[in-house]
Amino acid sequence: LTQRMEDLIDSLLRFSRLGRVDLLLQQIDLNIVLQRILDLLSARIE
């Protein structure tokens, strides 16, 4: 339960931080972004 509570607090921290961090807007090739995400999720996909 304490681990779940800590996960919830981490999510809340992440959500609140989104409102305070400036966006770094650039022209982005989403193919590169998507490939990195799929690499990180490769274990779960497999």
ModelCIF file with pLDDT and N, C-alpha, C, O atoms, coordinates in Angstrom:
data_MODEL
#
_entry.id   MODEL 
#
_entity.id                         1 
_entity.type                       polymer 
_entity.pdbx_number_of_molecules   1 
#
_entity_poly.entity_id                      1 
_entity_poly.type                           'polypeptide(L)' 
_entity_poly.nstd_linkage                   no 
_entity_poly.nstd_monomer                   no 
_entity_poly.pdbx_seq_one_letter_code       LTQRMEDLIDSLLRFSRLGRVDLLLQQIDLNIVLQRILDLLSARIE 
_entity_poly.pdbx_seq_one_letter_code_can   LTQRMEDLIDSLLRFSRLGRVDLLLQQIDLNIVLQRILDLLSARIE 
_entity_poly.pdbx_strand_id                 A 
#
loop_
_entity_poly_seq.entity_id 
_entity_poly_seq.num 
_entity_poly_seq.mon_id 
_entity_poly_seq.hetero 
1 1  LEU n 
1 2  THR n 
1 3  GLN n 
1 4  ARG n 
1 5  MET n 
1 6  GLU n 
1 7  ASP n 
1 8  LEU n 
1 9  ILE n 
1 10 ASP n 
1 11 SER n 
1 12 LEU n 
1 13 LEU n 
1 14 ARG n 
1 15 PHE n 
1 16 SER n 
1 17 ARG n 
1 18 LEU n 
1 19 GLY n 
1 20 ARG n 
1 21 VAL n 
1 22 ASP n 
1 23 LEU n 
1 24 LEU n 
1 25 LEU n 
1 26 GLN n 
1 27 GLN n 
1 28 ILE n 
1 29 ASP n 
1 30 LEU n 
1 31 ASN n 
1 32 ILE n 
1 33 VAL n 
1 34 LEU n 
1 35 GLN n 
1 36 ARG n 
1 37 ILE n 
1 38 LEU n 
1 39 ASP n 
1 40 LEU n 
1 41 LEU n 
1 42 SER n 
1 43 ALA n 
1 44 ARG n 
1 45 ILE n 
1 46 GLU n 
#
_struct_asym.id          A 
_struct_asym.entity_id   1 
#
loop_
_ma_qa_metric.id 
_ma_qa_metric.mode 
_ma_qa_metric.name 
_ma_qa_metric.software_group_id 
_ma_qa_metric.type 
1 global pLDDT . pLDDT 
2 local  pLDDT . pLDDT 
#
_ma_qa_metric_global.metric_id      1 
_ma_qa_metric_global.metric_value   75.48 
_ma_qa_metric_global.model_id       1 
_ma_qa_metric_global.ordinal_id     1 
#
loop_
_ma_qa_metric_local.label_asym_id 
_ma_qa_metric_local.label_comp_id 
_ma_qa_metric_local.label_seq_id 
_ma_qa_metric_local.metric_id 
_ma_qa_metric_local.metric_value 
_ma_qa_metric_local.model_id 
_ma_qa_metric_local.ordinal_id 
A LEU 1  2 68.00 1 1  
A THR 2  2 70.00 1 2  
A GLN 3  2 63.00 1 3  
A ARG 4  2 60.00 1 4  
A MET 5  2 65.00 1 5  
A GLU 6  2 64.00 1 6  
A ASP 7  2 57.00 1 7  
A LEU 8  2 60.00 1 8  
A ILE 9  2 64.00 1 9  
A ASP 10 2 62.00 1 10 
A SER 11 2 58.00 1 11 
A LEU 12 2 60.00 1 12 
A LEU 13 2 65.00 1 13 
A ARG 14 2 64.00 1 14 
A PHE 15 2 63.00 1 15 
A SER 16 2 61.00 1 16 
A ARG 17 2 63.00 1 17 
A LEU 18 2 66.00 1 18 
A GLY 19 2 60.00 1 19 
A ARG 20 2 58.00 1 20 
A VAL 21 2 66.00 1 21 
A ASP 22 2 70.00 1 22 
A LEU 23 2 75.00 1 23 
A LEU 24 2 79.00 1 24 
A LEU 25 2 85.00 1 25 
A GLN 26 2 86.00 1 26 
A GLN 27 2 89.00 1 27 
A ILE 28 2 87.00 1 28 
A ASP 29 2 91.00 1 29 
A LEU 30 2 91.00 1 30 
A ASN 31 2 93.00 1 31 
A ILE 32 2 90.00 1 32 
A VAL 33 2 89.00 1 33 
A LEU 34 2 91.00 1 34 
A GLN 35 2 90.00 1 35 
A ARG 36 2 88.00 1 36 
A ILE 37 2 86.00 1 37 
A LEU 38 2 89.00 1 38 
A ASP 39 2 87.00 1 39 
A LEU 40 2 84.00 1 40 
A LEU 41 2 85.00 1 41 
A SER 42 2 86.00 1 42 
A ALA 43 2 84.00 1 43 
A ARG 44 2 85.00 1 44 
A ILE 45 2 88.00 1 45 
A GLU 46 2 87.00 1 46 
#
loop_
_atom_site.group_PDB 
_atom_site.id 
_atom_site.type_symbol 
_atom_site.label_atom_id 
_atom_site.label_alt_id 
_atom_site.label_comp_id 
_atom_site.label_asym_id 
_atom_site.label_entity_id 
_atom_site.label_seq_id 
_atom_site.pdbx_PDB_ins_code 
_atom_site.Cartn_x 
_atom_site.Cartn_y 
_atom_site.Cartn_z 
_atom_site.occupancy 
_atom_site.B_iso_or_equiv 
_atom_site.pdbx_formal_charge 
_atom_site.auth_seq_id 
_atom_site.auth_comp_id 
_atom_site.auth_asym_id 
_atom_site.auth_atom_id 
_atom_site.pdbx_PDB_model_num 
ATOM 1   N N  . LEU A 1 1  ? 0.827  -1.213  0.000   1.00 68.00 ? 1  LEU A N  1 
ATOM 2   C CA . LEU A 1 1  ? 0.000  0.000   0.000   1.00 68.00 ? 1  LEU A CA 1 
ATOM 3   C C  . LEU A 1 1  ? 0.857  1.258   0.000   1.00 68.00 ? 1  LEU A C  1 
ATOM 4   O O  . LEU A 1 1  ? 0.531  2.235   -0.674  1.00 68.00 ? 1  LEU A O  1 
ATOM 5   N N  . THR A 1 2  ? 1.955  1.236   0.756   1.00 70.00 ? 2  THR A N  1 
ATOM 6   C CA . THR A 1 2  ? 2.829  2.418   0.763   1.00 70.00 ? 2  THR A CA 1 
ATOM 7   C C  . THR A 1 2  ? 3.504  2.595   -0.596  1.00 70.00 ? 2  THR A C  1 
ATOM 8   O O  . THR A 1 2  ? 3.735  3.720   -1.039  1.00 70.00 ? 2  THR A O  1 
ATOM 9   N N  . GLN A 1 3  ? 3.822  1.464   -1.262  1.00 63.00 ? 3  GLN A N  1 
ATOM 10  C CA . GLN A 1 3  ? 4.412  1.564   -2.601  1.00 63.00 ? 3  GLN A CA 1 
ATOM 11  C C  . GLN A 1 3  ? 3.406  2.167   -3.589  1.00 63.00 ? 3  GLN A C  1 
ATOM 12  O O  . GLN A 1 3  ? 3.759  2.996   -4.428  1.00 63.00 ? 3  GLN A O  1 
ATOM 13  N N  . ARG A 1 4  ? 2.133  1.727   -3.468  1.00 60.00 ? 4  ARG A N  1 
ATOM 14  C CA . ARG A 1 4  ? 1.103  2.284   -4.356  1.00 60.00 ? 4  ARG A CA 1 
ATOM 15  C C  . ARG A 1 4  ? 0.896  3.760   -4.062  1.00 60.00 ? 4  ARG A C  1 
ATOM 16  O O  . ARG A 1 4  ? 0.733  4.581   -4.964  1.00 60.00 ? 4  ARG A O  1 
ATOM 17  N N  . MET A 1 5  ? 0.907  4.076   -2.748  1.00 65.00 ? 5  MET A N  1 
ATOM 18  C CA . MET A 1 5  ? 0.745  5.476   -2.390  1.00 65.00 ? 5  MET A CA 1 
ATOM 19  C C  . MET A 1 5  ? 1.882  6.315   -2.951  1.00 65.00 ? 5  MET A C  1 
ATOM 20  O O  . MET A 1 5  ? 1.660  7.440   -3.397  1.00 65.00 ? 5  MET A O  1 
ATOM 21  N N  . GLU A 1 6  ? 3.088  5.784   -2.934  1.00 64.00 ? 6  GLU A N  1 
ATOM 22  C CA . GLU A 1 6  ? 4.232  6.527   -3.479  1.00 64.00 ? 6  GLU A CA 1 
ATOM 23  C C  . GLU A 1 6  ? 4.103  6.679   -4.995  1.00 64.00 ? 6  GLU A C  1 
ATOM 24  O O  . GLU A 1 6  ? 4.462  7.716   -5.553  1.00 64.00 ? 6  GLU A O  1 
ATOM 25  N N  . ASP A 1 7  ? 3.584  5.631   -5.660  1.00 57.00 ? 7  ASP A N  1 
ATOM 26  C CA . ASP A 1 7  ? 3.363  5.737   -7.101  1.00 57.00 ? 7  ASP A CA 1 
ATOM 27  C C  . ASP A 1 7  ? 2.340  6.828   -7.422  1.00 57.00 ? 7  ASP A C  1 
ATOM 28  O O  . ASP A 1 7  ? 2.514  7.593   -8.371  1.00 57.00 ? 7  ASP A O  1 
ATOM 29  N N  . LEU A 1 8  ? 1.274  6.893   -6.623  1.00 60.00 ? 8  LEU A N  1 
ATOM 30  C CA . LEU A 1 8  ? 0.265  7.935   -6.815  1.00 60.00 ? 8  LEU A CA 1 
ATOM 31  C C  . LEU A 1 8  ? 0.861  9.323   -6.609  1.00 60.00 ? 8  LEU A C  1 
ATOM 32  O O  . LEU A 1 8  ? 0.570  10.250  -7.365  1.00 60.00 ? 8  LEU A O  1 
ATOM 33  N N  . ILE A 1 9  ? 1.684  9.458   -5.596  1.00 64.00 ? 9  ILE A N  1 
ATOM 34  C CA . ILE A 1 9  ? 2.310  10.762  -5.324  1.00 64.00 ? 9  ILE A CA 1 
ATOM 35  C C  . ILE A 1 9  ? 3.259  11.139  -6.451  1.00 64.00 ? 9  ILE A C  1 
ATOM 36  O O  . ILE A 1 9  ? 3.334  12.305  -6.838  1.00 64.00 ? 9  ILE A O  1 
ATOM 37  N N  . ASP A 1 10 ? 3.994  10.146  -6.987  1.00 62.00 ? 10 ASP A N  1 
ATOM 38  C CA . ASP A 1 10 ? 4.895  10.419  -8.120  1.00 62.00 ? 10 ASP A CA 1 
ATOM 39  C C  . ASP A 1 10 ? 4.104  10.903  -9.338  1.00 62.00 ? 10 ASP A C  1 
ATOM 40  O O  . ASP A 1 10 ? 4.520  11.811  -10.058 1.00 62.00 ? 10 ASP A O  1 
ATOM 41  N N  . SER A 1 11 ? 2.942  10.258  -9.543  1.00 58.00 ? 11 SER A N  1 
ATOM 42  C CA . SER A 1 11 ? 2.097  10.684  -10.667 1.00 58.00 ? 11 SER A CA 1 
ATOM 43  C C  . SER A 1 11 ? 1.586  12.110  -10.456 1.00 58.00 ? 11 SER A C  1 
ATOM 44  O O  . SER A 1 11 ? 1.555  12.913  -11.389 1.00 58.00 ? 11 SER A O  1 
ATOM 45  N N  . LEU A 1 12 ? 1.185  12.415  -9.216  1.00 60.00 ? 12 LEU A N  1 
ATOM 46  C CA . LEU A 1 12 ? 0.722  13.766  -8.904  1.00 60.00 ? 12 LEU A CA 1 
ATOM 47  C C  . LEU A 1 12 ? 1.840  14.783  -9.091  1.00 60.00 ? 12 LEU A C  1 
ATOM 48  O O  . LEU A 1 12 ? 1.622  15.876  -9.613  1.00 60.00 ? 12 LEU A O  1 
ATOM 49  N N  . LEU A 1 13 ? 3.046  14.405  -8.654  1.00 65.00 ? 13 LEU A N  1 
ATOM 50  C CA . LEU A 1 13 ? 4.203  15.288  -8.861  1.00 65.00 ? 13 LEU A CA 1 
ATOM 51  C C  . LEU A 1 13 ? 4.460  15.519  -10.340 1.00 65.00 ? 13 LEU A C  1 
ATOM 52  O O  . LEU A 1 13 ? 4.734  16.641  -10.767 1.00 65.00 ? 13 LEU A O  1 
ATOM 53  N N  . ARG A 1 14 ? 4.370  14.460  -11.109 1.00 64.00 ? 14 ARG A N  1 
ATOM 54  C CA . ARG A 1 14 ? 4.594  14.568  -12.549 1.00 64.00 ? 14 ARG A CA 1 
ATOM 55  C C  . ARG A 1 14 ? 3.543  15.477  -13.178 1.00 64.00 ? 14 ARG A C  1 
ATOM 56  O O  . ARG A 1 14 ? 3.865  16.316  -14.019 1.00 64.00 ? 14 ARG A O  1 
ATOM 57  N N  . PHE A 1 15 ? 2.276  15.306  -12.766 1.00 63.00 ? 15 PHE A N  1 
ATOM 58  C CA . PHE A 1 15 ? 1.192  16.111  -13.318 1.00 63.00 ? 15 PHE A CA 1 
ATOM 59  C C  . PHE A 1 15 ? 1.366  17.594  -12.976 1.00 63.00 ? 15 PHE A C  1 
ATOM 60  O O  . PHE A 1 15 ? 1.182  18.456  -13.835 1.00 63.00 ? 15 PHE A O  1 
ATOM 61  N N  . SER A 1 16 ? 1.720  17.890  -11.726 1.00 61.00 ? 16 SER A N  1 
ATOM 62  C CA . SER A 1 16 ? 1.887  19.288  -11.322 1.00 61.00 ? 16 SER A CA 1 
ATOM 63  C C  . SER A 1 16 ? 3.101  19.920  -11.990 1.00 61.00 ? 16 SER A C  1 
ATOM 64  O O  . SER A 1 16 ? 3.106  21.112  -12.299 1.00 61.00 ? 16 SER A O  1 
ATOM 65  N N  . ARG A 1 17 ? 4.135  19.102  -12.210 1.00 63.00 ? 17 ARG A N  1 
ATOM 66  C CA . ARG A 1 17 ? 5.352  19.622  -12.840 1.00 63.00 ? 17 ARG A CA 1 
ATOM 67  C C  . ARG A 1 17 ? 5.101  20.032  -14.292 1.00 63.00 ? 17 ARG A C  1 
ATOM 68  O O  . ARG A 1 17 ? 5.751  20.942  -14.806 1.00 63.00 ? 17 ARG A O  1 
ATOM 69  N N  . LEU A 1 18 ? 4.141  19.345  -14.960 1.00 66.00 ? 18 LEU A N  1 
ATOM 70  C CA . LEU A 1 18 ? 3.818  19.689  -16.348 1.00 66.00 ? 18 LEU A CA 1 
ATOM 71  C C  . LEU A 1 18 ? 3.374  21.143  -16.485 1.00 66.00 ? 18 LEU A C  1 
ATOM 72  O O  . LEU A 1 18 ? 3.661  21.790  -17.492 1.00 66.00 ? 18 LEU A O  1 
ATOM 73  N N  . GLY A 1 19 ? 2.672  21.659  -15.467 1.00 60.00 ? 19 GLY A N  1 
ATOM 74  C CA . GLY A 1 19 ? 2.186  23.029  -15.526 1.00 60.00 ? 19 GLY A CA 1 
ATOM 75  C C  . GLY A 1 19 ? 3.257  24.056  -15.274 1.00 60.00 ? 19 GLY A C  1 
ATOM 76  O O  . GLY A 1 19 ? 3.057  25.234  -15.571 1.00 60.00 ? 19 GLY A O  1 
ATOM 77  N N  . ARG A 1 20 ? 4.407  23.645  -14.728 1.00 58.00 ? 20 ARG A N  1 
ATOM 78  C CA . ARG A 1 20 ? 5.457  24.600  -14.373 1.00 58.00 ? 20 ARG A CA 1 
ATOM 79  C C  . ARG A 1 20 ? 6.661  24.542  -15.291 1.00 58.00 ? 20 ARG A C  1 
ATOM 80  O O  . ARG A 1 20 ? 7.520  25.423  -15.247 1.00 58.00 ? 20 ARG A O  1 
ATOM 81  N N  . VAL A 1 21 ? 6.732  23.519  -16.116 1.00 66.00 ? 21 VAL A N  1 
ATOM 82  C CA . VAL A 1 21 ? 7.879  23.368  -17.020 1.00 66.00 ? 21 VAL A CA 1 
ATOM 83  C C  . VAL A 1 21 ? 7.515  23.939  -18.391 1.00 66.00 ? 21 VAL A C  1 
ATOM 84  O O  . VAL A 1 21 ? 6.490  23.577  -18.970 1.00 66.00 ? 21 VAL A O  1 
ATOM 85  N N  . ASP A 1 22 ? 8.361  24.832  -18.903 1.00 70.00 ? 22 ASP A N  1 
ATOM 86  C CA . ASP A 1 22 ? 8.112  25.423  -20.221 1.00 70.00 ? 22 ASP A CA 1 
ATOM 87  C C  . ASP A 1 22 ? 8.271  24.370  -21.315 1.00 70.00 ? 22 ASP A C  1 
ATOM 88  O O  . ASP A 1 22 ? 9.110  23.474  -21.222 1.00 70.00 ? 22 ASP A O  1 
ATOM 89  N N  . LEU A 1 23 ? 7.448  24.502  -22.348 1.00 75.00 ? 23 LEU A N  1 
ATOM 90  C CA . LEU A 1 23 ? 7.562  23.608  -23.498 1.00 75.00 ? 23 LEU A CA 1 
ATOM 91  C C  . LEU A 1 23 ? 8.763  24.004  -24.351 1.00 75.00 ? 23 LEU A C  1 
ATOM 92  O O  . LEU A 1 23 ? 9.008  25.188  -24.582 1.00 75.00 ? 23 LEU A O  1 
ATOM 93  N N  . LEU A 1 24 ? 9.495  23.023  -24.807 1.00 79.00 ? 24 LEU A N  1 
ATOM 94  C CA . LEU A 1 24 ? 10.597 23.260  -25.737 1.00 79.00 ? 24 LEU A CA 1 
ATOM 95  C C  . LEU A 1 24 ? 10.090 22.878  -27.129 1.00 79.00 ? 24 LEU A C  1 
ATOM 96  O O  . LEU A 1 24 ? 10.246 21.741  -27.575 1.00 79.00 ? 24 LEU A O  1 
ATOM 97  N N  . LEU A 1 25 ? 9.484  23.847  -27.797 1.00 85.00 ? 25 LEU A N  1 
ATOM 98  C CA . LEU A 1 25 ? 8.831  23.576  -29.072 1.00 85.00 ? 25 LEU A CA 1 
ATOM 99  C C  . LEU A 1 25 ? 9.825  23.648  -30.222 1.00 85.00 ? 25 LEU A C  1 
ATOM 100 O O  . LEU A 1 25 ? 10.537 24.639  -30.384 1.00 85.00 ? 25 LEU A O  1 
ATOM 101 N N  . GLN A 1 26 ? 9.863  22.583  -31.016 1.00 86.00 ? 26 GLN A N  1 
ATOM 102 C CA . GLN A 1 26 ? 10.752 22.510  -32.174 1.00 86.00 ? 26 GLN A CA 1 
ATOM 103 C C  . GLN A 1 26 ? 10.062 21.698  -33.273 1.00 86.00 ? 26 GLN A C  1 
ATOM 104 O O  . GLN A 1 26 ? 9.034  21.059  -33.048 1.00 86.00 ? 26 GLN A O  1 
ATOM 105 N N  . GLN A 1 27 ? 10.657 21.744  -34.460 1.00 89.00 ? 27 GLN A N  1 
ATOM 106 C CA . GLN A 1 27 ? 10.196 20.852  -35.525 1.00 89.00 ? 27 GLN A CA 1 
ATOM 107 C C  . GLN A 1 27 ? 10.792 19.472  -35.254 1.00 89.00 ? 27 GLN A C  1 
ATOM 108 O O  . GLN A 1 27 ? 12.009 19.287  -35.272 1.00 89.00 ? 27 GLN A O  1 
ATOM 109 N N  . ILE A 1 28 ? 9.906  18.509  -35.002 1.00 87.00 ? 28 ILE A N  1 
ATOM 110 C CA . ILE A 1 28 ? 10.339 17.180  -34.540 1.00 87.00 ? 28 ILE A CA 1 
ATOM 111 C C  . ILE A 1 28 ? 9.889  16.118  -35.537 1.00 87.00 ? 28 ILE A C  1 
ATOM 112 O O  . ILE A 1 28 ? 8.744  16.102  -35.987 1.00 87.00 ? 28 ILE A O  1 
ATOM 113 N N  . ASP A 1 29 ? 10.834 15.225  -35.868 1.00 91.00 ? 29 ASP A N  1 
ATOM 114 C CA . ASP A 1 29 ? 10.506 14.056  -36.685 1.00 91.00 ? 29 ASP A CA 1 
ATOM 115 C C  . ASP A 1 29 ? 9.967  12.982  -35.749 1.00 91.00 ? 29 ASP A C  1 
ATOM 116 O O  . ASP A 1 29 ? 10.730 12.378  -34.995 1.00 91.00 ? 29 ASP A O  1 
ATOM 117 N N  . LEU A 1 30 ? 8.663  12.739  -35.789 1.00 91.00 ? 30 LEU A N  1 
ATOM 118 C CA . LEU A 1 30 ? 8.027  11.810  -34.856 1.00 91.00 ? 30 LEU A CA 1 
ATOM 119 C C  . LEU A 1 30 ? 8.409  10.355  -35.116 1.00 91.00 ? 30 LEU A C  1 
ATOM 120 O O  . LEU A 1 30 ? 8.185  9.509   -34.251 1.00 91.00 ? 30 LEU A O  1 
ATOM 121 N N  . ASN A 1 31 ? 8.971  10.041  -36.262 1.00 93.00 ? 31 ASN A N  1 
ATOM 122 C CA . ASN A 1 31 ? 9.425  8.671   -36.510 1.00 93.00 ? 31 ASN A CA 1 
ATOM 123 C C  . ASN A 1 31 ? 10.554 8.299   -35.547 1.00 93.00 ? 31 ASN A C  1 
ATOM 124 O O  . ASN A 1 31 ? 10.619 7.176   -35.048 1.00 93.00 ? 31 ASN A O  1 
ATOM 125 N N  . ILE A 1 32 ? 11.450 9.276   -35.297 1.00 90.00 ? 32 ILE A N  1 
ATOM 126 C CA . ILE A 1 32 ? 12.559 9.036   -34.359 1.00 90.00 ? 32 ILE A CA 1 
ATOM 127 C C  . ILE A 1 32 ? 12.018 8.892   -32.947 1.00 90.00 ? 32 ILE A C  1 
ATOM 128 O O  . ILE A 1 32 ? 12.433 8.001   -32.205 1.00 90.00 ? 32 ILE A O  1 
ATOM 129 N N  . VAL A 1 33 ? 11.081 9.778   -32.569 1.00 89.00 ? 33 VAL A N  1 
ATOM 130 C CA . VAL A 1 33 ? 10.487 9.732   -31.228 1.00 89.00 ? 33 VAL A CA 1 
ATOM 131 C C  . VAL A 1 33 ? 9.795  8.392   -31.008 1.00 89.00 ? 33 VAL A C  1 
ATOM 132 O O  . VAL A 1 33 ? 9.982  7.749   -29.975 1.00 89.00 ? 33 VAL A O  1 
ATOM 133 N N  . LEU A 1 34 ? 8.988  7.972   -31.997 1.00 91.00 ? 34 LEU A N  1 
ATOM 134 C CA . LEU A 1 34 ? 8.231  6.733   -31.859 1.00 91.00 ? 34 LEU A CA 1 
ATOM 135 C C  . LEU A 1 34 ? 9.158  5.521   -31.757 1.00 91.00 ? 34 LEU A C  1 
ATOM 136 O O  . LEU A 1 34 ? 8.883  4.600   -30.988 1.00 91.00 ? 34 LEU A O  1 
ATOM 137 N N  . GLN A 1 35 ? 10.241 5.510   -32.516 1.00 90.00 ? 35 GLN A N  1 
ATOM 138 C CA . GLN A 1 35 ? 11.165 4.377   -32.475 1.00 90.00 ? 35 GLN A CA 1 
ATOM 139 C C  . GLN A 1 35 ? 11.793 4.230   -31.097 1.00 90.00 ? 35 GLN A C  1 
ATOM 140 O O  . GLN A 1 35 ? 11.953 3.116   -30.597 1.00 90.00 ? 35 GLN A O  1 
ATOM 141 N N  . ARG A 1 36 ? 12.155 5.378   -30.472 1.00 88.00 ? 36 ARG A N  1 
ATOM 142 C CA . ARG A 1 36 ? 12.735 5.329   -29.122 1.00 88.00 ? 36 ARG A CA 1 
ATOM 143 C C  . ARG A 1 36 ? 11.730 4.786   -28.113 1.00 88.00 ? 36 ARG A C  1 
ATOM 144 O O  . ARG A 1 36 ? 12.093 4.011   -27.228 1.00 88.00 ? 36 ARG A O  1 
ATOM 145 N N  . ILE A 1 37 ? 10.482 5.184   -28.243 1.00 86.00 ? 37 ILE A N  1 
ATOM 146 C CA . ILE A 1 37 ? 9.449  4.693   -27.323 1.00 86.00 ? 37 ILE A CA 1 
ATOM 147 C C  . ILE A 1 37 ? 9.271  3.180   -27.497 1.00 86.00 ? 37 ILE A C  1 
ATOM 148 O O  . ILE A 1 37 ? 9.161  2.445   -26.516 1.00 86.00 ? 37 ILE A O  1 
ATOM 149 N N  . LEU A 1 38 ? 9.245  2.729   -28.744 1.00 89.00 ? 38 LEU A N  1 
ATOM 150 C CA . LEU A 1 38 ? 9.080  1.294   -28.983 1.00 89.00 ? 38 LEU A CA 1 
ATOM 151 C C  . LEU A 1 38 ? 10.276 0.510   -28.465 1.00 89.00 ? 38 LEU A C  1 
ATOM 152 O O  . LEU A 1 38 ? 10.123 -0.617  -27.994 1.00 89.00 ? 38 LEU A O  1 
ATOM 153 N N  . ASP A 1 39 ? 11.482 1.104   -28.550 1.00 87.00 ? 39 ASP A N  1 
ATOM 154 C CA . ASP A 1 39 ? 12.670 0.440   -27.996 1.00 87.00 ? 39 ASP A CA 1 
ATOM 155 C C  . ASP A 1 39 ? 12.528 0.279   -26.493 1.00 87.00 ? 39 ASP A C  1 
ATOM 156 O O  . ASP A 1 39 ? 12.861 -0.772  -25.947 1.00 87.00 ? 39 ASP A O  1 
ATOM 157 N N  . LEU A 1 40 ? 12.032 1.317   -25.813 1.00 84.00 ? 40 LEU A N  1 
ATOM 158 C CA . LEU A 1 40 ? 11.863 1.256   -24.361 1.00 84.00 ? 40 LEU A CA 1 
ATOM 159 C C  . LEU A 1 40 ? 10.791 0.240   -23.953 1.00 84.00 ? 40 LEU A C  1 
ATOM 160 O O  . LEU A 1 40 ? 10.869 -0.367  -22.885 1.00 84.00 ? 40 LEU A O  1 
ATOM 161 N N  . LEU A 1 41 ? 9.795  0.069   -24.820 1.00 85.00 ? 41 LEU A N  1 
ATOM 162 C CA . LEU A 1 41 ? 8.693  -0.858  -24.511 1.00 85.00 ? 41 LEU A CA 1 
ATOM 163 C C  . LEU A 1 41 ? 8.911  -2.244  -25.121 1.00 85.00 ? 41 LEU A C  1 
ATOM 164 O O  . LEU A 1 41 ? 8.020  -3.092  -25.071 1.00 85.00 ? 41 LEU A O  1 
ATOM 165 N N  . SER A 1 42 ? 10.090 -2.474  -25.694 1.00 86.00 ? 42 SER A N  1 
ATOM 166 C CA . SER A 1 42 ? 10.329 -3.723  -26.433 1.00 86.00 ? 42 SER A CA 1 
ATOM 167 C C  . SER A 1 42 ? 10.134 -4.963  -25.567 1.00 86.00 ? 42 SER A C  1 
ATOM 168 O O  . SER A 1 42 ? 9.590  -5.961  -26.040 1.00 86.00 ? 42 SER A O  1 
ATOM 169 N N  . ALA A 1 43 ? 10.571 -4.919  -24.296 1.00 84.00 ? 43 ALA A N  1 
ATOM 170 C CA . ALA A 1 43 ? 10.437 -6.092  -23.421 1.00 84.00 ? 43 ALA A CA 1 
ATOM 171 C C  . ALA A 1 43 ? 8.965  -6.451  -23.220 1.00 84.00 ? 43 ALA A C  1 
ATOM 172 O O  . ALA A 1 43 ? 8.580  -7.617  -23.316 1.00 84.00 ? 43 ALA A O  1 
ATOM 173 N N  . ARG A 1 44 ? 8.138  -5.416  -22.935 1.00 85.00 ? 44 ARG A N  1 
ATOM 174 C CA . ARG A 1 44 ? 6.716  -5.670  -22.723 1.00 85.00 ? 44 ARG A CA 1 
ATOM 175 C C  . ARG A 1 44 ? 6.057  -6.153  -24.017 1.00 85.00 ? 44 ARG A C  1 
ATOM 176 O O  . ARG A 1 44 ? 5.200  -7.035  -23.988 1.00 85.00 ? 44 ARG A O  1 
ATOM 177 N N  . ILE A 1 45 ? 6.459  -5.575  -25.146 1.00 88.00 ? 45 ILE A N  1 
ATOM 178 C CA . ILE A 1 45 ? 5.886  -5.984  -26.437 1.00 88.00 ? 45 ILE A CA 1 
ATOM 179 C C  . ILE A 1 45 ? 6.208  -7.456  -26.709 1.00 88.00 ? 45 ILE A C  1 
ATOM 180 O O  . ILE A 1 45 ? 5.358  -8.228  -27.151 1.00 88.00 ? 45 ILE A O  1 
ATOM 181 N N  . GLU A 1 46 ? 7.465  -7.818  -26.431 1.00 87.00 ? 46 GLU A N  1 
ATOM 182 C CA . GLU A 1 46 ? 7.887  -9.199  -26.675 1.00 87.00 ? 46 GLU A CA 1 
ATOM 183 C C  . GLU A 1 46 ? 7.173  -10.148 -25.725 1.00 87.00 ? 46 GLU A C  1 
ATOM 184 O O  . GLU A 1 46 ? 7.397  -11.357 -25.776 1.00 87.00 ? 46 GLU A O  1 
#
